[in-house]
All heavy atoms as atom14 arrays in JSON, in Angstrom:
{
  "sequence": "SEDGNRLIEVLSRSASQSIAVMAFRAAQAFRPKGRIRLR",
  "atom14_mask": [
    [1, 1, 1, 1, 1, 1, 0, 0, 0, 0, 0, 0, 0, 0],
    [1, 1, 1, 1, 1, 1, 1, 1, 1, 0, 0, 0, 0, 0],
    [1, 1, 1, 1, 1, 1, 1, 1, 0, 0, 0, 0, 0, 0],
    [1, 1, 1, 1, 0, 0, 0, 0, 0, 0, 0, 0, 0, 0],
    [1, 1, 1, 1, 1, 1, 1, 1, 0, 0, 0, 0, 0, 0],
    [1, 1, 1, 1, 1, 1, 1, 1, 1, 1, 1, 0, 0, 0],
    [1, 1, 1, 1, 1, 1, 1, 1, 0, 0, 0, 0, 0, 0],
    [1, 1, 1, 1, 1, 1, 1, 1, 0, 0, 0, 0, 0, 0],
    [1, 1, 1, 1, 1, 1, 1, 1, 1, 0, 0, 0, 0, 0],
    [1, 1, 1, 1, 1, 1, 1, 0, 0, 0, 0, 0, 0, 0],
    [1, 1, 1, 1, 1, 1, 1, 1, 0, 0, 0, 0, 0, 0],
    [1, 1, 1, 1, 1, 1, 0, 0, 0, 0, 0, 0, 0, 0],
    [1, 1, 1, 1, 1, 1, 1, 1, 1, 1, 1, 0, 0, 0],
    [1, 1, 1, 1, 1, 1, 0, 0, 0, 0, 0, 0, 0, 0],
    [1, 1, 1, 1, 1, 0, 0, 0, 0, 0, 0, 0, 0, 0],
    [1, 1, 1, 1, 1, 1, 0, 0, 0, 0, 0, 0, 0, 0],
    [1, 1, 1, 1, 1, 1, 1, 1, 1, 0, 0, 0, 0, 0],
    [1, 1, 1, 1, 1, 1, 0, 0, 0, 0, 0, 0, 0, 0],
    [1, 1, 1, 1, 1, 1, 1, 1, 0, 0, 0, 0, 0, 0],
    [1, 1, 1, 1, 1, 0, 0, 0, 0, 0, 0, 0, 0, 0],
    [1, 1, 1, 1, 1, 1, 1, 0, 0, 0, 0, 0, 0, 0],
    [1, 1, 1, 1, 1, 1, 1, 1, 0, 0, 0, 0, 0, 0],
    [1, 1, 1, 1, 1, 0, 0, 0, 0, 0, 0, 0, 0, 0],
    [1, 1, 1, 1, 1, 1, 1, 1, 1, 1, 1, 0, 0, 0],
    [1, 1, 1, 1, 1, 1, 1, 1, 1, 1, 1, 0, 0, 0],
    [1, 1, 1, 1, 1, 0, 0, 0, 0, 0, 0, 0, 0, 0],
    [1, 1, 1, 1, 1, 0, 0, 0, 0, 0, 0, 0, 0, 0],
    [1, 1, 1, 1, 1, 1, 1, 1, 1, 0, 0, 0, 0, 0],
    [1, 1, 1, 1, 1, 0, 0, 0, 0, 0, 0, 0, 0, 0],
    [1, 1, 1, 1, 1, 1, 1, 1, 1, 1, 1, 0, 0, 0],
    [1, 1, 1, 1, 1, 1, 1, 1, 1, 1, 1, 0, 0, 0],
    [1, 1, 1, 1, 1, 1, 1, 0, 0, 0, 0, 0, 0, 0],
    [1, 1, 1, 1, 1, 1, 1, 1, 1, 0, 0, 0, 0, 0],
    [1, 1, 1, 1, 0, 0, 0, 0, 0, 0, 0, 0, 0, 0],
    [1, 1, 1, 1, 1, 1, 1, 1, 1, 1, 1, 0, 0, 0],
    [1, 1, 1, 1, 1, 1, 1, 1, 0, 0, 0, 0, 0, 0],
    [1, 1, 1, 1, 1, 1, 1, 1, 1, 1, 1, 0, 0, 0],
    [1, 1, 1, 1, 1, 1, 1, 1, 0, 0, 0, 0, 0, 0],
    [1, 1, 1, 1, 1, 1, 1, 1, 1, 1, 1, 0, 0, 0]
  ],
  "atom14_positions": [
    [[3.09, 10.15, -0.17], [4.27, 10.96, 0.16], [4.59, 10.77, 1.64], [3.73, 10.35, 2.42], [4.02, 12.44, -0.15], [2.95, 12.93, 0.62], [0.0, 0.0, 0.0], [0.0, 0.0, 0.0], [0.0, 0.0, 0.0], [0.0, 0.0, 0.0], [0.0, 0.0, 0.0], [0.0, 0.0, 0.0], [0.0, 0.0, 0.0], [0.0, 0.0, 0.0]],
    [[5.79, 11.1, 2.02], [6.24, 10.87, 3.4], [5.35, 11.59, 4.42], [5.09, 11.06, 5.5], [7.69, 11.34, 3.55], [8.35, 10.86, 4.81], [9.82, 11.19, 4.83], [10.5, 10.92, 3.83], [10.28, 11.71, 5.86], [0.0, 0.0, 0.0], [0.0, 0.0, 0.0], [0.0, 0.0, 0.0], [0.0, 0.0, 0.0], [0.0, 0.0, 0.0]],
    [[4.85, 12.77, 4.08], [3.99, 13.51, 5.0], [2.53, 13.04, 4.95], [1.71, 13.47, 5.74], [4.07, 15.01, 4.75], [3.59, 15.42, 3.35], [3.08, 14.56, 2.6], [3.73, 16.61, 3.01], [0.0, 0.0, 0.0], [0.0, 0.0, 0.0], [0.0, 0.0, 0.0], [0.0, 0.0, 0.0], [0.0, 0.0, 0.0], [0.0, 0.0, 0.0]],
    [[2.21, 12.15, 4.01], [0.88, 11.58, 3.93], [-0.15, 12.47, 3.25], [-1.34, 12.19, 3.3], [0.0, 0.0, 0.0], [0.0, 0.0, 0.0], [0.0, 0.0, 0.0], [0.0, 0.0, 0.0], [0.0, 0.0, 0.0], [0.0, 0.0, 0.0], [0.0, 0.0, 0.0], [0.0, 0.0, 0.0], [0.0, 0.0, 0.0], [0.0, 0.0, 0.0]],
    [[0.3, 13.51, 2.57], [-0.63, 14.45, 1.94], [-0.82, 14.26, 0.45], [-1.7, 14.86, -0.13], [-0.17, 15.89, 2.2], [-0.3, 16.28, 3.65], [-1.23, 15.86, 4.33], [0.63, 17.07, 4.14], [0.0, 0.0, 0.0], [0.0, 0.0, 0.0], [0.0, 0.0, 0.0], [0.0, 0.0, 0.0], [0.0, 0.0, 0.0], [0.0, 0.0, 0.0]],
    [[0.02, 13.44, -0.2], [-0.05, 13.3, -1.65], [0.05, 11.83, -2.06], [0.98, 11.13, -1.66], [1.1, 14.09, -2.28], [1.08, 14.13, -3.8], [2.17, 15.03, -4.34], [3.49, 14.71, -3.81], [4.32, 13.81, -4.35], [3.98, 13.13, -5.42], [5.5, 13.59, -3.8], [0.0, 0.0, 0.0], [0.0, 0.0, 0.0], [0.0, 0.0, 0.0]],
    [[-0.92, 11.39, -2.83], [-0.9, 10.03, -3.36], [0.13, 9.94, -4.48], [0.11, 10.74, -5.42], [-2.29, 9.66, -3.9], [-2.43, 8.31, -4.59], [-2.17, 7.16, -3.61], [-3.8, 8.18, -5.22], [0.0, 0.0, 0.0], [0.0, 0.0, 0.0], [0.0, 0.0, 0.0], [0.0, 0.0, 0.0], [0.0, 0.0, 0.0], [0.0, 0.0, 0.0]],
    [[1.03, 8.98, -4.37], [2.06, 8.79, -5.39], [1.6, 7.75, -6.41], [1.67, 7.99, -7.61], [3.4, 8.36, -4.75], [3.91, 9.5, -3.86], [4.42, 7.98, -5.8], [5.12, 9.14, -3.02], [0.0, 0.0, 0.0], [0.0, 0.0, 0.0], [0.0, 0.0, 0.0], [0.0, 0.0, 0.0], [0.0, 0.0, 0.0], [0.0, 0.0, 0.0]],
    [[1.12, 6.59, -5.91], [0.75, 5.51, -6.83], [-0.22, 4.55, -6.17], [-0.07, 4.22, -5.0], [2.03, 4.76, -7.24], [1.82, 3.68, -8.25], [3.11, 2.99, -8.66], [4.19, 3.33, -8.13], [3.03, 2.1, -9.51], [0.0, 0.0, 0.0], [0.0, 0.0, 0.0], [0.0, 0.0, 0.0], [0.0, 0.0, 0.0], [0.0, 0.0, 0.0]],
    [[-1.2, 4.09, -6.93], [-2.07, 3.01, -6.49], [-1.38, 1.71, -6.89], [-1.11, 1.46, -8.06], [-3.47, 3.09, -7.14], [-4.32, 1.91, -6.71], [-4.15, 4.4, -6.78], [0.0, 0.0, 0.0], [0.0, 0.0, 0.0], [0.0, 0.0, 0.0], [0.0, 0.0, 0.0], [0.0, 0.0, 0.0], [0.0, 0.0, 0.0], [0.0, 0.0, 0.0]],
    [[-1.05, 0.89, -5.9], [-0.29, -0.33, -6.14], [-1.19, -1.54, -6.38], [-0.82, -2.47, -7.09], [0.63, -0.6, -4.95], [1.6, 0.53, -4.61], [2.3, 0.24, -3.29], [2.59, 0.72, -5.73], [0.0, 0.0, 0.0], [0.0, 0.0, 0.0], [0.0, 0.0, 0.0], [0.0, 0.0, 0.0], [0.0, 0.0, 0.0], [0.0, 0.0, 0.0]],
    [[-2.37, -1.53, -5.75], [-3.26, -2.69, -5.85], [-4.69, -2.26, -5.52], [-4.89, -1.36, -4.71], [-2.8, -3.77, -4.87], [-3.72, -4.81, -4.8], [0.0, 0.0, 0.0], [0.0, 0.0, 0.0], [0.0, 0.0, 0.0], [0.0, 0.0, 0.0], [0.0, 0.0, 0.0], [0.0, 0.0, 0.0], [0.0, 0.0, 0.0], [0.0, 0.0, 0.0]],
    [[-5.65, -2.94, -6.11], [-7.07, -2.78, -5.75], [-7.66, -4.18, -5.62], [-7.26, -5.09, -6.33], [-7.83, -2.01, -6.81], [-7.53, -0.53, -6.78], [-8.65, 0.23, -7.47], [-8.48, 1.65, -7.35], [-8.99, 2.4, -6.37], [-9.72, 1.84, -5.44], [-8.79, 3.69, -6.34], [0.0, 0.0, 0.0], [0.0, 0.0, 0.0], [0.0, 0.0, 0.0]],
    [[-8.61, -4.31, -4.69], [-9.2, -5.62, -4.42], [-10.61, -5.48, -3.87], [-10.93, -4.48, -3.22], [-8.33, -6.38, -3.42], [-8.92, -7.59, -3.06], [0.0, 0.0, 0.0], [0.0, 0.0, 0.0], [0.0, 0.0, 0.0], [0.0, 0.0, 0.0], [0.0, 0.0, 0.0], [0.0, 0.0, 0.0], [0.0, 0.0, 0.0], [0.0, 0.0, 0.0]],
    [[-11.42, -6.49, -4.11], [-12.75, -6.56, -3.51], [-12.69, -7.28, -2.17], [-13.61, -7.19, -1.37], [-13.72, -7.29, -4.45], [0.0, 0.0, 0.0], [0.0, 0.0, 0.0], [0.0, 0.0, 0.0], [0.0, 0.0, 0.0], [0.0, 0.0, 0.0], [0.0, 0.0, 0.0], [0.0, 0.0, 0.0], [0.0, 0.0, 0.0], [0.0, 0.0, 0.0]],
    [[-11.58, -7.97, -1.89], [-11.43, -8.79, -0.69], [-10.44, -8.14, 0.28], [-9.31, -7.79, -0.11], [-10.91, -10.17, -1.08], [-10.42, -10.86, 0.03], [0.0, 0.0, 0.0], [0.0, 0.0, 0.0], [0.0, 0.0, 0.0], [0.0, 0.0, 0.0], [0.0, 0.0, 0.0], [0.0, 0.0, 0.0], [0.0, 0.0, 0.0], [0.0, 0.0, 0.0]],
    [[-10.85, -8.01, 1.55], [-9.95, -7.43, 2.54], [-8.74, -8.32, 2.79], [-7.63, -7.82, 2.93], [-10.67, -7.16, 3.85], [-9.77, -6.49, 4.87], [-10.47, -6.11, 6.15], [-11.65, -6.35, 6.32], [-9.74, -5.51, 7.06], [0.0, 0.0, 0.0], [0.0, 0.0, 0.0], [0.0, 0.0, 0.0], [0.0, 0.0, 0.0], [0.0, 0.0, 0.0]],
    [[-8.91, -9.62, 2.83], [-7.77, -10.51, 3.11], [-6.73, -10.43, 1.99], [-5.53, -10.43, 2.26], [-8.24, -11.94, 3.34], [-8.96, -12.41, 2.23], [0.0, 0.0, 0.0], [0.0, 0.0, 0.0], [0.0, 0.0, 0.0], [0.0, 0.0, 0.0], [0.0, 0.0, 0.0], [0.0, 0.0, 0.0], [0.0, 0.0, 0.0], [0.0, 0.0, 0.0]],
    [[-7.17, -10.34, 0.76], [-6.23, -10.19, -0.36], [-5.55, -8.83, -0.29], [-4.35, -8.71, -0.52], [-6.95, -10.39, -1.71], [-7.36, -11.86, -1.84], [-6.07, -9.96, -2.88], [-8.23, -12.16, -3.03], [0.0, 0.0, 0.0], [0.0, 0.0, 0.0], [0.0, 0.0, 0.0], [0.0, 0.0, 0.0], [0.0, 0.0, 0.0], [0.0, 0.0, 0.0]],
    [[-6.3, -7.8, 0.09], [-5.74, -6.46, 0.21], [-4.66, -6.4, 1.29], [-3.64, -5.75, 1.12], [-6.85, -5.46, 0.5], [0.0, 0.0, 0.0], [0.0, 0.0, 0.0], [0.0, 0.0, 0.0], [0.0, 0.0, 0.0], [0.0, 0.0, 0.0], [0.0, 0.0, 0.0], [0.0, 0.0, 0.0], [0.0, 0.0, 0.0], [0.0, 0.0, 0.0]],
    [[-4.88, -7.1, 2.41], [-3.88, -7.13, 3.48], [-2.6, -7.81, 2.99], [-1.49, -7.35, 3.26], [-4.43, -7.81, 4.75], [-3.33, -8.07, 5.77], [-5.54, -6.96, 5.36], [0.0, 0.0, 0.0], [0.0, 0.0, 0.0], [0.0, 0.0, 0.0], [0.0, 0.0, 0.0], [0.0, 0.0, 0.0], [0.0, 0.0, 0.0], [0.0, 0.0, 0.0]],
    [[-2.74, -8.9, 2.24], [-1.56, -9.57, 1.69], [-0.82, -8.65, 0.72], [0.41, -8.61, 0.71], [-1.96, -10.87, 1.01], [-2.37, -11.96, 1.99], [-2.69, -13.55, 1.21], [-4.33, -13.28, 0.57], [0.0, 0.0, 0.0], [0.0, 0.0, 0.0], [0.0, 0.0, 0.0], [0.0, 0.0, 0.0], [0.0, 0.0, 0.0], [0.0, 0.0, 0.0]],
    [[-1.56, -7.91, -0.09], [-0.94, -6.96, -1.03], [-0.23, -5.84, -0.26], [0.86, -5.4, -0.65], [-1.99, -6.38, -1.97], [0.0, 0.0, 0.0], [0.0, 0.0, 0.0], [0.0, 0.0, 0.0], [0.0, 0.0, 0.0], [0.0, 0.0, 0.0], [0.0, 0.0, 0.0], [0.0, 0.0, 0.0], [0.0, 0.0, 0.0], [0.0, 0.0, 0.0]],
    [[-0.82, -5.4, 0.85], [-0.2, -4.38, 1.7], [1.13, -4.89, 2.24], [2.15, -4.19, 2.19], [-1.15, -4.02, 2.85], [-0.56, -3.08, 3.86], [-0.57, -1.71, 3.64], [-0.01, -3.56, 5.04], [-0.02, -0.83, 4.57], [0.52, -2.7, 5.98], [0.52, -1.32, 5.74], [0.0, 0.0, 0.0], [0.0, 0.0, 0.0], [0.0, 0.0, 0.0]],
    [[1.16, -6.11, 2.76], [2.39, -6.69, 3.31], [3.45, -6.86, 2.22], [4.64, -6.6, 2.46], [2.1, -8.05, 3.97], [1.15, -7.98, 5.14], [1.73, -7.22, 6.3], [0.76, -7.19, 7.4], [0.7, -6.24, 8.29], [1.53, -5.23, 8.25], [-0.21, -6.26, 9.24], [0.0, 0.0, 0.0], [0.0, 0.0, 0.0], [0.0, 0.0, 0.0]],
    [[3.04, -7.26, 1.03], [3.98, -7.4, -0.09], [4.55, -6.03, -0.48], [5.75, -5.9, -0.75], [3.31, -8.06, -1.28], [0.0, 0.0, 0.0], [0.0, 0.0, 0.0], [0.0, 0.0, 0.0], [0.0, 0.0, 0.0], [0.0, 0.0, 0.0], [0.0, 0.0, 0.0], [0.0, 0.0, 0.0], [0.0, 0.0, 0.0], [0.0, 0.0, 0.0]],
    [[3.71, -5.02, -0.49], [4.16, -3.67, -0.82], [5.17, -3.17, 0.21], [6.16, -2.5, -0.13], [2.98, -2.72, -0.91], [0.0, 0.0, 0.0], [0.0, 0.0, 0.0], [0.0, 0.0, 0.0], [0.0, 0.0, 0.0], [0.0, 0.0, 0.0], [0.0, 0.0, 0.0], [0.0, 0.0, 0.0], [0.0, 0.0, 0.0], [0.0, 0.0, 0.0]],
    [[4.94, -3.5, 1.49], [5.9, -3.14, 2.55], [7.26, -3.76, 2.27], [8.29, -3.12, 2.45], [5.42, -3.66, 3.9], [4.44, -2.81, 4.62], [4.18, -3.38, 6.0], [3.68, -4.5, 6.13], [4.52, -2.63, 7.02], [0.0, 0.0, 0.0], [0.0, 0.0, 0.0], [0.0, 0.0, 0.0], [0.0, 0.0, 0.0], [0.0, 0.0, 0.0]],
    [[7.26, -5.01, 1.85], [8.52, -5.72, 1.59], [9.26, -5.14, 0.38], [10.48, -5.02, 0.39], [8.25, -7.2, 1.38], [0.0, 0.0, 0.0], [0.0, 0.0, 0.0], [0.0, 0.0, 0.0], [0.0, 0.0, 0.0], [0.0, 0.0, 0.0], [0.0, 0.0, 0.0], [0.0, 0.0, 0.0], [0.0, 0.0, 0.0], [0.0, 0.0, 0.0]],
    [[8.52, -4.79, -0.67], [9.14, -4.29, -1.89], [9.48, -2.81, -1.84], [10.34, -2.35, -2.59], [8.24, -4.58, -3.1], [8.27, -6.01, -3.51], [7.2, -6.84, -3.23], [9.37, -6.56, -4.16], [7.23, -8.18, -3.59], [9.4, -7.89, -4.52], [8.32, -8.7, -4.24], [0.0, 0.0, 0.0], [0.0, 0.0, 0.0], [0.0, 0.0, 0.0]],
    [[8.82, -2.07, -0.98], [9.09, -0.64, -0.84], [9.24, -0.3, 0.65], [8.41, 0.39, 1.22], [7.98, 0.17, -1.47], [7.88, -0.11, -2.96], [6.93, 0.8, -3.64], [6.89, 0.45, -5.05], [6.18, 1.09, -5.94], [5.44, 2.11, -5.58], [6.19, 0.71, -7.19], [0.0, 0.0, 0.0], [0.0, 0.0, 0.0], [0.0, 0.0, 0.0]],
    [[10.3, -0.8, 1.28], [10.44, -0.64, 2.73], [10.55, 0.81, 3.21], [10.23, 1.1, 4.36], [11.71, -1.43, 3.06], [12.46, -1.52, 1.78], [11.43, -1.51, 0.69], [0.0, 0.0, 0.0], [0.0, 0.0, 0.0], [0.0, 0.0, 0.0], [0.0, 0.0, 0.0], [0.0, 0.0, 0.0], [0.0, 0.0, 0.0], [0.0, 0.0, 0.0]],
    [[10.99, 1.71, 2.35], [11.12, 3.11, 2.75], [9.9, 3.94, 2.36], [9.8, 5.1, 2.74], [12.38, 3.72, 2.15], [13.64, 3.09, 2.71], [14.87, 3.75, 2.19], [16.08, 3.03, 2.77], [17.32, 3.66, 2.4], [0.0, 0.0, 0.0], [0.0, 0.0, 0.0], [0.0, 0.0, 0.0], [0.0, 0.0, 0.0], [0.0, 0.0, 0.0]],
    [[8.98, 3.34, 1.62], [7.79, 4.07, 1.19], [6.72, 4.1, 2.27], [6.7, 3.25, 3.16], [0.0, 0.0, 0.0], [0.0, 0.0, 0.0], [0.0, 0.0, 0.0], [0.0, 0.0, 0.0], [0.0, 0.0, 0.0], [0.0, 0.0, 0.0], [0.0, 0.0, 0.0], [0.0, 0.0, 0.0], [0.0, 0.0, 0.0], [0.0, 0.0, 0.0]],
    [[5.85, 5.07, 2.19], [4.69, 5.13, 3.09], [3.54, 4.45, 2.37], [3.02, 4.95, 1.38], [4.33, 6.56, 3.44], [3.15, 6.61, 4.38], [2.92, 7.98, 4.92], [1.87, 7.93, 5.92], [1.51, 8.97, 6.65], [2.11, 10.12, 6.48], [0.56, 8.85, 7.54], [0.0, 0.0, 0.0], [0.0, 0.0, 0.0], [0.0, 0.0, 0.0]],
    [[3.16, 3.28, 2.86], [2.14, 2.47, 2.23], [0.87, 2.51, 3.09], [0.95, 2.4, 4.32], [2.6, 1.0, 2.08], [3.98, 0.94, 1.39], [1.57, 0.17, 1.33], [4.04, 1.49, 0.0], [0.0, 0.0, 0.0], [0.0, 0.0, 0.0], [0.0, 0.0, 0.0], [0.0, 0.0, 0.0], [0.0, 0.0, 0.0], [0.0, 0.0, 0.0]],
    [[-0.26, 2.66, 2.43], [-1.55, 2.66, 3.12], [-2.48, 1.64, 2.49], [-2.49, 1.46, 1.27], [-2.24, 4.02, 3.0], [-1.71, 5.07, 3.88], [-2.51, 6.33, 3.73], [-2.05, 7.34, 4.67], [-2.29, 8.63, 4.55], [-3.01, 9.07, 3.54], [-1.83, 9.48, 5.44], [0.0, 0.0, 0.0], [0.0, 0.0, 0.0], [0.0, 0.0, 0.0]],
    [[-3.27, 1.01, 3.33], [-4.38, 0.17, 2.88], [-5.64, 0.93, 3.26], [-5.85, 1.25, 4.43], [-4.35, -1.2, 3.56], [-5.6, -2.06, 3.37], [-5.9, -2.31, 1.9], [-5.46, -3.37, 4.11], [0.0, 0.0, 0.0], [0.0, 0.0, 0.0], [0.0, 0.0, 0.0], [0.0, 0.0, 0.0], [0.0, 0.0, 0.0], [0.0, 0.0, 0.0]],
    [[-6.46, 1.24, 2.25], [-7.69, 1.98, 2.5], [-8.9, 1.19, 2.0], [-8.83, 0.47, 1.02], [-7.68, 3.33, 1.77], [-6.66, 4.28, 2.3], [-6.77, 5.68, 1.73], [-6.92, 5.73, 0.29], [-7.98, 6.28, -0.33], [-8.97, 6.8, 0.33], [-8.01, 6.29, -1.65], [0.0, 0.0, 0.0], [0.0, 0.0, 0.0], [0.0, 0.0, 0.0]]
  ]
}
């Protein structure tokens, strides 16, 4: 959520940090107004 208090959707899961970073960048491109986190 915009305030960062509520998880809306898990977009990707990975065992590899480099793959996770690429998924994070892709999520930014596809959801430019969304608040995306890589954890």
